[in-house]
């Protein structure tokens, strides 16, 4: 992929949306210089391996499972929290692998999802106007002048929290915890007695029997990394371009540029202007790139984005993540698929069934209905089947905690239950039981 007239700071010559007005510009630049001198968070070889896997998913030979927090919080950067989120993704991947009979690419919205775009730069409460909460990498969610004032030091804090998260993830995925021999241990106590938990236990028992059979016939599992280890990739929205630039490094082996803040970066609905700074920055890095596509899109603009971000039309480079909602997906996804097909674009299709189904409950909580999410997922698979395209991935906001943030599901969480354990700092997340419920549904669709 050629990136002519590109440098890692060429984005500065383009209009940049959703950037922060840092009050101390000199301090901001000093922090970015410190980050630029620190080690990369991920490595070029890992990114290249992910691109190969994503190319397989685009061809229907693998499936992408991407999930995690809407906005990570520094205070949740603990071993138990990271482990519990990873558990859910591992459980879901086992269900999907068993049903779909193909590898599942495990990817977290983790180790970098600390900044959020906002519809308004300010928030008003009781007549008091303050800057909006932009994520822990920018300011604090507490409603005070001091808390809401952007602080550049938080960028450095974000780097070190991401580094700590990656350290824990690598320890779990390489140190035996992610071994298939632990498949029963991944089931959470509050899920175990549910219908989904019992179905998972039955699946885990089948896997356990298969592993026992392998031992009996003399296959040494210690020599099989596919059984004892997993590849777990990280992703976040490439929002704060100064931070992303500071972690963009040139690979010593190939001379190619990679943004080493995460394996995959995505560009949001609010920042994917074809003549904008985010597109300019992303076109020059060789990471796989996700593009969020919501209802407010233009087909010609999507095709132009594909040309700019993937001029060589390489499979595994672009993940198109649609987020239409249950009401609009049937009208909007088919023409988008046809447009991309007619353009000849090699993309991996993924579905974000969360953002288009968000609403405010009667009790004034932002929430999502599991039944609405299920409906959009079903439509996603049905439409791609009808159009002859491949539904290659799914994108969830989820947590390993027993939260009450999304209504419905087998737990029958109602509006009045939301206050019981509503702990997100941004958008509502599926809990572990709801996540497994969705995994079993998707497994049925993969079989079909």
Protein backbone atom coordinates (compact mmCIF):
# COMPACT_ATOMS: atom_id res chain seq x y z
CA UNK A 1 0.00 0.00 0.00
CA UNK A 2 1.51 3.29 -1.08
CA UNK A 3 1.07 6.35 1.13
CA UNK A 4 2.42 9.12 -1.05
CA UNK A 5 2.76 12.59 0.47
CA UNK A 6 1.98 11.15 3.89
CA UNK A 7 3.83 11.58 7.14
CA UNK A 8 2.65 10.74 10.61
CA UNK A 9 1.96 14.42 11.26
CA UNK A 10 0.49 15.33 7.86
CA UNK A 11 -2.98 15.18 9.45
CA UNK A 12 -2.25 18.56 11.03
CA UNK A 13 -2.87 20.24 7.66
CA UNK A 14 -6.47 18.95 7.59
CA UNK A 15 -9.58 19.91 9.57
CA UNK A 16 -9.69 17.73 12.71
CA UNK A 17 -13.03 16.97 14.33
CA UNK A 18 -13.60 16.00 17.99
CA UNK A 19 -10.19 17.19 19.17
CA UNK A 20 -9.65 18.61 22.65
CA UNK A 21 -8.89 22.25 23.38
CA UNK A 22 -6.04 21.60 25.79
CA UNK A 23 -5.67 24.66 28.07
CA UNK A 24 -1.88 24.31 28.37
CA UNK A 25 -0.52 23.75 24.85
CA UNK A 26 3.12 23.57 25.95
CA UNK A 27 2.36 20.90 28.55
CA UNK A 28 0.37 18.99 25.95
CA UNK A 29 3.30 18.90 23.53
CA UNK A 30 5.68 17.88 26.32
CA UNK A 31 3.44 14.94 27.25
CA UNK A 32 3.25 13.82 23.61
CA UNK A 33 7.06 13.92 23.37
CA UNK A 34 7.26 11.70 26.46
CA UNK A 35 4.82 9.19 24.95
CA UNK A 36 6.74 9.19 21.66
CA UNK A 37 9.88 8.14 23.54
CA UNK A 38 8.16 5.24 25.33
CA UNK A 39 8.03 1.66 23.97
CA UNK A 40 5.23 0.67 21.58
CA UNK A 41 2.18 -0.97 23.14
CA UNK A 42 1.73 -3.55 20.36
CA UNK A 43 4.10 -4.81 17.70
CA UNK A 44 4.24 -4.91 13.93
CA UNK A 45 4.33 -8.71 13.74
CA UNK A 46 1.14 -8.96 15.79
CA UNK A 47 -0.59 -6.44 13.53
CA UNK A 48 0.46 -8.31 10.39
CA UNK A 49 -0.87 -11.56 11.84
CA UNK A 50 -4.20 -9.90 12.60
CA UNK A 51 -4.49 -8.62 9.03
CA UNK A 52 -4.02 -12.17 7.76
CA UNK A 53 -6.75 -13.42 10.10
CA UNK A 54 -9.13 -10.63 9.08
CA UNK A 55 -8.56 -11.50 5.43
CA UNK A 56 -9.69 -15.04 6.27
CA UNK A 57 -12.82 -13.67 7.97
CA UNK A 58 -13.61 -11.52 4.93
CA UNK A 59 -13.54 -14.72 2.87
CA UNK A 60 -15.79 -16.60 5.32
CA UNK A 61 -13.00 -18.76 6.75
CA UNK A 62 -12.97 -17.10 10.21
CA UNK A 63 -15.22 -14.85 12.30
CA UNK A 64 -14.40 -11.60 14.14
CA UNK A 65 -15.69 -11.19 17.70
CA UNK A 66 -14.99 -7.67 18.99
CA UNK A 67 -16.22 -6.61 22.42
CA UNK A 68 -15.57 -4.62 25.54
CA UNK A 69 -16.37 -1.37 27.31
CA UNK A 70 -17.93 1.63 25.64
CA UNK A 71 -15.41 3.81 27.45
CA UNK A 72 -12.72 2.26 29.64
CA UNK A 73 -12.17 3.78 33.05
CA UNK A 74 -8.78 4.04 34.72
CA UNK A 75 -10.22 2.80 38.01
CA UNK A 76 -11.34 -0.41 36.27
CA UNK A 77 -7.81 -1.21 35.12
CA UNK A 78 -7.47 -4.12 37.55
CA UNK A 79 -6.59 -7.77 37.03
CA UNK A 80 -10.05 -9.03 38.09
CA UNK A 81 -11.93 -6.64 35.79
CA UNK A 82 -9.72 -7.41 32.77
CA UNK A 83 -9.92 -11.14 33.49
CA UNK A 84 -13.73 -11.10 33.75
CA UNK A 85 -14.13 -9.25 30.45
CA UNK A 86 -11.71 -11.61 28.75
CA UNK A 87 -13.61 -14.59 30.21
CA UNK A 88 -16.81 -13.51 28.49
CA UNK A 89 -15.07 -13.07 25.14
CA UNK A 90 -13.38 -16.47 25.52
CA UNK A 91 -16.72 -18.11 26.33
CA UNK A 92 -18.42 -16.47 23.38
CA UNK A 93 -15.57 -17.47 21.07
CA UNK A 94 -15.81 -21.12 22.18
CA UNK A 95 -19.54 -21.14 21.44
CA UNK A 96 -19.03 -19.55 18.02
CA UNK A 97 -16.05 -21.75 17.11
CA UNK A 98 -17.92 -24.93 18.03
CA UNK A 99 -20.98 -23.93 16.03
CA UNK A 100 -19.37 -22.20 13.08
CA UNK A 101 -16.52 -24.69 12.75
CA UNK A 102 -14.11 -21.89 11.95
CA UNK A 103 -11.55 -19.85 13.92
CA UNK A 104 -12.83 -16.89 15.91
CA UNK A 105 -10.69 -13.76 16.06
CA UNK A 106 -10.84 -12.47 19.63
CA UNK A 107 -10.56 -8.70 19.90
CA UNK A 108 -11.24 -6.40 22.83
CA UNK A 109 -12.31 -2.79 22.99
CA UNK A 110 -9.58 -2.58 25.59
CA UNK A 111 -6.19 -1.08 26.48
CA UNK A 112 -6.89 2.26 24.83
CA UNK A 113 -10.62 3.03 24.64
CA UNK A 114 -10.22 5.93 27.04
CA UNK A 115 -11.51 8.79 24.86
CA UNK A 116 -15.00 9.39 23.51
CA UNK A 117 -16.49 11.69 20.86
CA UNK A 118 -19.37 13.84 22.06
CA UNK A 119 -22.38 15.35 20.31
CA UNK A 120 -21.91 18.59 22.25
CA UNK A 121 -18.69 20.13 23.63
CA UNK A 122 -20.52 21.21 26.77
CA UNK A 123 -22.98 19.80 29.31
CA UNK A 124 -25.52 21.79 31.32
CA UNK A 125 -26.81 20.83 34.75
CA UNK A 126 -29.06 23.11 36.81
CA UNK A 127 -27.97 26.05 34.72
CA UNK A 128 -24.24 25.30 35.11
CA UNK A 129 -22.36 24.81 31.82
CA UNK A 130 -19.14 22.75 31.83
CA UNK A 131 -17.09 20.88 29.21
CA UNK A 132 -18.51 17.46 28.36
CA UNK A 133 -16.88 14.34 29.74
CA UNK A 134 -14.54 13.14 27.00
CA UNK A 135 -13.20 9.97 28.61
CA UNK A 136 -10.62 9.39 31.33
CA UNK A 137 -7.79 10.22 28.93
CA UNK A 138 -9.10 13.80 28.76
CA UNK A 139 -11.02 14.73 31.92
CA UNK A 140 -13.13 13.30 34.75
CA UNK A 141 -16.83 12.46 34.73
CA UNK A 142 -17.33 14.36 38.02
CA UNK A 143 -19.33 17.53 37.38
CA UNK A 144 -17.03 20.29 38.54
CA UNK A 145 -14.83 22.89 36.87
CA UNK A 146 -11.64 21.18 38.04
CA UNK A 147 -12.77 17.69 36.99
CA UNK A 148 -14.01 18.70 33.57
CA UNK A 149 -10.96 20.80 32.63
CA UNK A 150 -8.86 18.77 30.14
CA UNK A 151 -5.53 17.67 31.59
CA UNK A 152 -2.72 16.54 29.25
CA UNK A 153 -1.20 14.38 31.98
CA UNK A 154 -4.16 12.05 31.50
CA UNK A 155 -2.74 11.10 28.07
CA UNK A 156 0.35 9.74 29.80
CA UNK A 157 -1.87 8.02 32.37
CA UNK A 158 -3.76 6.46 29.44
CA UNK A 159 -0.55 5.05 28.00
CA UNK A 160 0.46 3.43 31.30
CA UNK A 161 -3.03 2.03 31.96
CA UNK A 162 -3.04 0.56 28.43
CA UNK A 163 0.40 -0.94 29.05
CA UNK A 164 -0.79 -2.50 32.32
CA UNK A 165 -3.89 -3.92 30.62
CA UNK A 166 -1.83 -5.46 27.85
CA UNK A 167 0.56 -6.96 30.39
CA UNK A 168 -2.34 -8.69 32.15
CA UNK A 169 -3.92 -9.82 28.87
CA UNK A 170 -0.67 -11.36 27.66
CA UNK A 171 -0.18 -13.11 31.00
CA UNK A 172 -3.67 -14.63 30.87
CA UNK A 173 -3.58 -15.61 27.18
CA UNK A 174 -0.03 -17.03 27.25
CA UNK A 175 0.22 -18.27 30.84
CA UNK A 176 -2.34 -21.06 30.73
CA UNK A 177 -5.52 -19.31 31.86
CA UNK A 178 -6.88 -19.26 28.30
CA UNK A 179 -6.13 -22.97 27.79
CA UNK A 180 -9.12 -25.01 26.64
CA UNK A 181 -8.51 -27.16 29.69
CA UNK A 182 -9.87 -24.21 31.70
CA UNK A 183 -13.08 -24.00 29.69
CA UNK A 184 -15.27 -24.80 32.72
CA UNK A 185 -13.49 -22.23 34.87
CA UNK A 186 -14.54 -19.42 32.53
CA UNK A 187 -18.20 -19.80 33.46
CA UNK A 188 -19.22 -17.13 35.93
CA UNK A 189 -21.12 -17.99 39.09
CA UNK A 190 -24.09 -15.73 38.42
CA UNK A 191 -24.43 -17.24 34.93
CA UNK A 192 -23.84 -20.90 35.78
CA UNK A 193 -27.41 -21.74 36.82
CA UNK A 194 -29.05 -19.90 33.91
CA UNK A 195 -30.22 -21.58 30.71
CA UNK A 196 -27.26 -20.07 28.87
CA UNK A 197 -24.83 -21.11 31.59
CA UNK A 198 -26.08 -24.69 31.53
CA UNK A 199 -25.85 -24.82 27.73
CA UNK A 200 -22.30 -23.53 28.00
CA UNK A 201 -21.44 -26.19 30.60
CA UNK A 202 -22.72 -28.90 28.23
CA UNK A 203 -20.50 -27.50 25.48
CA UNK A 204 -17.54 -27.32 27.87
CA UNK A 205 -18.05 -30.96 28.81
CA UNK A 206 -17.91 -31.98 25.14
CA UNK A 207 -14.66 -30.08 24.73
CA UNK A 208 -13.28 -31.68 27.89
CA UNK A 209 -14.10 -35.16 26.55
CA UNK A 210 -12.37 -34.33 23.26
CA UNK A 211 -9.24 -33.20 25.12
CA UNK A 212 -9.29 -36.39 27.23
CA UNK A 213 -9.50 -38.44 24.05
CA UNK A 214 -6.47 -36.61 22.65
CA UNK A 215 -4.52 -37.43 25.80
CA UNK A 216 -5.51 -41.10 25.64
CA UNK A 217 -4.26 -41.50 22.09
CA UNK A 218 -0.97 -39.81 22.98
CA UNK A 219 -1.30 -36.29 21.64
CA UNK A 220 0.77 -34.01 23.87
CA UNK A 221 -1.38 -30.95 24.49
CA UNK A 222 1.57 -29.03 25.88
CA UNK A 223 2.98 -29.05 22.35
CA UNK A 224 -0.25 -27.61 20.89
CA UNK A 225 -0.35 -23.80 21.31
CA UNK A 226 -3.85 -23.78 19.77
CA UNK A 227 -5.07 -25.53 22.93
CA UNK A 228 -3.02 -23.75 25.57
CA UNK A 229 -2.79 -20.20 24.20
CA UNK A 230 -4.95 -17.71 22.34
CA UNK A 231 -4.21 -14.64 20.28
CA UNK A 232 -6.08 -11.70 21.80
CA UNK A 233 -6.05 -8.42 19.91
CA UNK A 234 -6.80 -4.87 21.06
CA UNK A 235 -8.72 -2.06 19.40
CA UNK A 236 -10.02 1.43 20.08
CA UNK A 237 -11.31 4.46 18.23
CA UNK A 238 -8.46 6.54 16.82
CA UNK A 239 -9.82 9.79 18.19
CA UNK A 240 -7.07 11.87 19.78
CA UNK A 241 -4.68 12.24 16.88
CA UNK A 242 -1.76 13.67 18.87
CA UNK A 243 -1.70 10.53 21.03
CA UNK A 244 -2.01 8.23 18.00
CA UNK A 245 0.80 10.07 16.22
CA UNK A 246 3.05 9.73 19.26
CA UNK A 247 2.66 5.95 19.17
CA UNK A 248 3.12 5.61 15.41
CA UNK A 249 6.41 3.88 14.69
CA UNK A 250 8.33 2.72 11.61
CA UNK A 251 8.93 -1.02 11.54
CA UNK A 252 12.67 -1.69 11.53
CA UNK A 253 12.27 -4.75 9.28
CA UNK A 254 10.01 -3.37 6.56
CA UNK A 255 10.16 0.42 6.91
CA UNK A 256 6.35 0.42 7.10
CA UNK A 257 4.50 2.68 9.54
CA UNK A 258 2.20 1.21 12.21
CA UNK A 259 0.16 2.87 14.92
CA UNK A 260 1.40 0.83 17.86
CA UNK A 261 -1.30 2.01 20.29
CA UNK A 262 -3.52 -0.96 19.25
CA UNK A 263 -3.74 -3.75 16.71
CA UNK A 264 -6.86 -2.33 15.03
CA UNK A 265 -8.00 1.29 15.04
CA UNK A 266 -11.43 2.39 13.97
CA UNK A 267 -12.79 5.68 12.71
CA UNK A 268 -16.15 6.85 13.99
CA UNK A 269 -19.30 8.15 12.38
CA UNK A 270 -18.38 11.67 13.51
CA UNK A 271 -14.79 11.70 12.23
CA UNK A 272 -14.76 9.86 8.88
CA UNK A 273 -14.80 12.95 6.62
CA UNK A 274 -12.93 12.11 3.41
CA UNK A 275 -11.09 15.46 3.58
CA UNK A 276 -10.56 15.31 7.35
CA UNK A 277 -7.55 14.79 9.58
CA UNK A 278 -8.57 11.34 10.83
CA UNK A 279 -8.78 9.86 7.34
CA UNK A 280 -5.48 11.51 6.42
CA UNK A 281 -3.76 9.98 9.44
CA UNK A 282 -5.23 6.50 9.03
CA UNK A 283 -4.46 6.23 5.31
CA UNK A 284 -0.73 6.08 6.04
CA UNK A 285 -0.59 3.46 8.78
CA UNK A 286 -0.67 -0.24 7.97
CA UNK A 287 -2.93 -1.42 10.78
CA UNK A 288 -6.29 -2.86 9.85
CA UNK A 289 -8.85 -0.05 9.96
CA UNK A 290 -12.46 -0.21 11.08
CA UNK A 291 -14.98 2.25 9.63
CA UNK A 292 -18.21 2.82 11.56
CA UNK A 293 -21.15 3.36 9.20
CA UNK A 294 -24.38 4.71 10.70
CA UNK A 295 -27.67 5.86 9.15
CA UNK A 296 -26.22 9.25 8.20
CA UNK A 297 -23.92 8.04 5.43
CA UNK A 298 -23.49 8.70 1.74
CA UNK A 299 -22.75 5.78 -0.59
CA UNK A 300 -20.36 7.79 -2.75
CA UNK A 301 -18.50 8.91 0.37
CA UNK A 302 -18.13 5.32 1.56
CA UNK A 303 -16.63 4.32 -1.79
CA UNK A 304 -14.23 7.28 -1.63
CA UNK A 305 -13.21 6.23 1.88
CA UNK A 306 -12.38 2.75 0.63
CA UNK A 307 -10.27 4.21 -2.18
CA UNK A 308 -8.37 6.52 0.17
CA UNK A 309 -7.84 4.09 3.04
CA UNK A 310 -7.25 0.98 0.92
CA UNK A 311 -5.97 2.10 -2.50
CA UNK A 312 -4.57 -1.35 -3.30
CA UNK A 313 -7.88 -2.99 -2.29
CA UNK A 314 -6.13 -5.43 0.06
CA UNK A 315 -8.30 -7.97 1.84
CA UNK A 316 -7.91 -7.70 5.62
CA UNK A 317 -7.27 -3.96 5.61
CA UNK A 318 -10.84 -2.63 6.04
CA UNK A 319 -13.58 -3.70 8.46
CA UNK A 320 -16.90 -2.01 7.68
CA UNK A 321 -18.83 -1.87 10.97
CA UNK A 322 -22.49 -1.08 10.33
CA UNK A 323 -24.60 0.44 13.12
CA UNK A 324 -28.09 1.08 11.80
CA UNK A 325 -30.46 -0.20 14.49
CA UNK A 326 -33.26 -2.73 14.10
CA UNK A 327 -35.60 -0.22 12.41
CA UNK A 328 -33.24 1.03 9.70
CA UNK A 329 -31.01 -1.94 8.89
CA UNK A 330 -33.40 -3.51 6.37
CA UNK A 331 -33.55 -0.28 4.37
CA UNK A 332 -29.92 0.77 4.68
CA UNK A 333 -27.70 -2.31 4.69
CA UNK A 334 -28.76 -3.84 1.31
CA UNK A 335 -27.93 -0.75 -0.80
CA UNK A 336 -24.65 -0.30 1.10
CA UNK A 337 -23.64 -3.92 0.43
CA UNK A 338 -24.57 -3.61 -3.26
CA UNK A 339 -22.67 -0.33 -3.58
CA UNK A 340 -19.49 -1.80 -2.09
CA UNK A 341 -19.84 -4.96 -4.21
CA UNK A 342 -20.32 -2.95 -7.40
CA UNK A 343 -17.27 -0.90 -6.45
CA UNK A 344 -15.29 -4.12 -6.03
CA UNK A 345 -14.25 -3.24 -2.49
CA UNK A 346 -12.62 -6.02 -0.47
CA UNK A 347 -14.00 -5.52 3.04
CA UNK A 348 -14.84 -7.51 6.14
CA UNK A 349 -18.46 -6.88 7.09
CA UNK A 350 -19.15 -6.53 10.81
CA UNK A 351 -22.28 -5.49 12.71
CA UNK A 352 -22.50 -3.21 15.74
CA UNK A 353 -26.06 -3.90 16.95
CA UNK A 354 -25.66 -1.69 20.03
CA UNK A 355 -25.44 1.97 19.03
CA UNK A 356 -28.44 2.09 16.70
CA UNK A 357 -30.69 0.62 19.38
CA UNK A 358 -29.95 3.04 22.22
CA UNK A 359 -32.85 4.85 23.88
CA UNK A 360 -33.68 6.59 27.17
CA UNK A 361 -35.90 4.58 29.51
CA UNK A 362 -38.87 5.93 31.45
CA UNK A 363 -36.59 6.00 34.49
CA UNK A 364 -34.20 8.26 32.53
CA UNK A 365 -31.43 5.70 32.01
CA UNK A 366 -29.73 5.32 28.65
CA UNK A 367 -30.29 1.68 27.75
CA UNK A 368 -30.65 -0.94 25.01
CA UNK A 369 -33.05 -3.84 24.65
CA UNK A 370 -31.61 -7.31 24.14
CA UNK A 371 -34.55 -8.15 21.85
CA UNK A 372 -33.75 -5.12 19.65
CA UNK A 373 -30.11 -6.19 19.50
CA UNK A 374 -31.13 -9.74 18.55
CA UNK A 375 -33.42 -8.42 15.84
CA UNK A 376 -30.66 -6.37 14.23
CA UNK A 377 -28.28 -9.34 14.34
CA UNK A 378 -30.84 -11.59 12.62
CA UNK A 379 -31.42 -8.97 9.92
CA UNK A 380 -27.66 -8.59 9.46
CA UNK A 381 -27.24 -12.30 8.70
CA UNK A 382 -30.37 -12.51 6.55
CA UNK A 383 -29.42 -9.50 4.43
CA UNK A 384 -25.88 -10.68 3.77
CA UNK A 385 -27.20 -14.10 2.79
CA UNK A 386 -29.65 -12.49 0.38
CA UNK A 387 -26.98 -10.23 -1.11
CA UNK A 388 -24.38 -12.98 -1.49
CA UNK A 389 -21.98 -11.25 0.91
CA UNK A 390 -20.29 -12.61 4.02
CA UNK A 391 -21.32 -11.58 7.57
CA UNK A 392 -17.82 -11.84 8.97
CA UNK A 393 -17.97 -10.23 12.40
CA UNK A 394 -19.88 -8.77 15.32
CA UNK A 395 -19.08 -5.79 17.55
CA UNK A 396 -20.48 -5.60 21.11
CA UNK A 397 -20.22 -3.36 24.14
CA UNK A 398 -20.08 -5.80 27.05
CA UNK A 399 -18.65 -6.44 30.49
CA UNK A 400 -17.97 -9.45 32.68
CA UNK A 401 -19.83 -7.83 35.55
CA UNK A 402 -23.42 -8.56 36.59
CA UNK A 403 -24.62 -5.12 35.54
CA UNK A 404 -28.19 -4.06 34.82
CA UNK A 405 -27.67 -1.67 31.92
CA UNK A 406 -29.48 -3.37 29.02
CA UNK A 407 -33.10 -4.48 29.39
CA UNK A 408 -34.54 -7.89 28.53
CA UNK A 409 -32.79 -11.16 27.93
CA UNK A 410 -33.31 -14.36 29.89
CA UNK A 411 -32.84 -12.41 33.14
CA UNK A 412 -35.86 -10.30 32.13
CA UNK A 413 -34.25 -7.06 33.24
CA UNK A 414 -36.97 -4.41 33.30
CA UNK A 415 -36.83 -0.64 33.27
CA UNK A 416 -37.16 -0.48 37.06
CA UNK A 417 -34.24 -2.92 37.45
CA UNK A 418 -31.72 -0.64 35.70
CA UNK A 419 -30.91 1.29 38.88
CA UNK A 420 -29.85 -1.93 40.66
CA UNK A 421 -26.37 -2.00 39.11
CA UNK A 422 -26.04 0.64 36.42
CA UNK A 423 -22.33 1.47 36.56
CA UNK A 424 -21.24 2.51 33.05
CA UNK A 425 -19.67 5.94 32.66
CA UNK A 426 -20.92 6.20 29.09
CA UNK A 427 -23.11 3.76 27.11
CA UNK A 428 -24.95 0.68 28.47
CA UNK A 429 -23.24 -2.72 28.19
CA UNK A 430 -24.42 -6.30 27.99
CA UNK A 431 -23.64 -8.38 31.06
CA UNK A 432 -22.08 -11.84 30.86
CA UNK A 433 -25.38 -13.76 30.74
CA UNK A 434 -26.80 -11.52 28.01
CA UNK A 435 -23.55 -11.86 26.05
CA UNK A 436 -23.74 -15.67 26.14
CA UNK A 437 -27.36 -15.50 25.05
CA UNK A 438 -26.30 -13.54 21.97
CA UNK A 439 -23.40 -15.92 21.31
CA UNK A 440 -25.77 -18.91 21.16
CA UNK A 441 -28.08 -17.02 18.79
CA UNK A 442 -25.17 -16.12 16.51
CA UNK A 443 -23.96 -19.73 16.62
CA UNK A 444 -27.36 -20.84 15.30
CA UNK A 445 -27.14 -18.24 12.53
CA UNK A 446 -23.61 -19.39 11.64
CA UNK A 447 -24.86 -22.97 11.39
CA UNK A 448 -27.72 -21.83 9.20
